[in-house]
Protein backbone atom coordinates (compact mmCIF):
# COMPACT_ATOMS: atom_id res chain seq x y z
CA MET A 1 0.05 0.00 -0.24
CA HIS A 2 1.26 3.67 -0.89
CA PRO A 3 0.71 6.14 1.76
CA GLU A 4 -1.83 8.86 0.39
CA VAL A 5 -0.23 12.41 -0.70
CA THR A 6 -1.50 15.56 0.43
CA PRO A 7 -2.11 18.17 -2.09
CA THR A 8 0.96 19.82 -0.72
CA GLU A 9 3.06 16.89 -1.27
CA SER A 10 2.22 16.37 -4.62
CA ARG A 11 2.61 19.89 -5.54
CA SER A 12 5.98 20.02 -4.33
CA GLY A 13 6.90 16.93 -6.58
CA VAL A 14 5.42 18.92 -9.50
CA VAL A 15 7.49 21.89 -8.58
CA THR A 16 10.63 19.64 -8.11
CA GLY A 17 10.08 18.21 -11.33
CA ARG A 18 9.74 21.72 -13.04
CA VAL A 19 13.20 22.92 -11.39
CA PHE A 20 14.92 19.86 -12.33
CA THR A 21 13.88 20.50 -16.17
CA VAL A 22 14.49 23.91 -16.01
CA LEU A 23 18.09 23.26 -14.34
CA VAL A 24 18.53 20.63 -17.25
CA LEU A 25 17.26 22.82 -20.00
CA SER A 26 19.39 25.82 -18.93
CA SER A 27 22.44 23.61 -18.67
CA ILE A 28 22.18 22.37 -22.11
CA GLY A 29 21.66 25.90 -23.17
CA ALA A 30 24.71 27.11 -21.80
CA ILE A 31 26.95 24.21 -23.18
CA ALA A 32 25.44 25.09 -26.60
CA ALA A 33 26.13 28.94 -25.91
CA LEU A 34 29.83 28.11 -25.00
CA ALA A 35 30.37 25.69 -28.08
CA LEU A 36 29.06 28.28 -30.47
CA ALA A 37 31.07 30.88 -28.82
CA TRP A 38 34.31 28.56 -29.10
CA TYR A 39 33.68 27.90 -32.64
CA LEU A 40 33.27 31.47 -33.49
CA LEU A 41 36.02 33.15 -31.79
CA VAL A 42 38.71 30.41 -31.86
CA PRO A 43 40.42 30.53 -35.47
CA GLN A 44 39.91 27.74 -37.43
CA GLY A 45 43.07 25.99 -38.30
């Protein structure tokens, strides 16, 4: 049997999921921006 989840607990799970998603997406965006800057700024041999 699973314990009953209160609305507050379920809401905190949703918020945690959203925060984790935002962190992952922003990390991917930062890596992409760094890669693009590297590609544009470093002279190609």
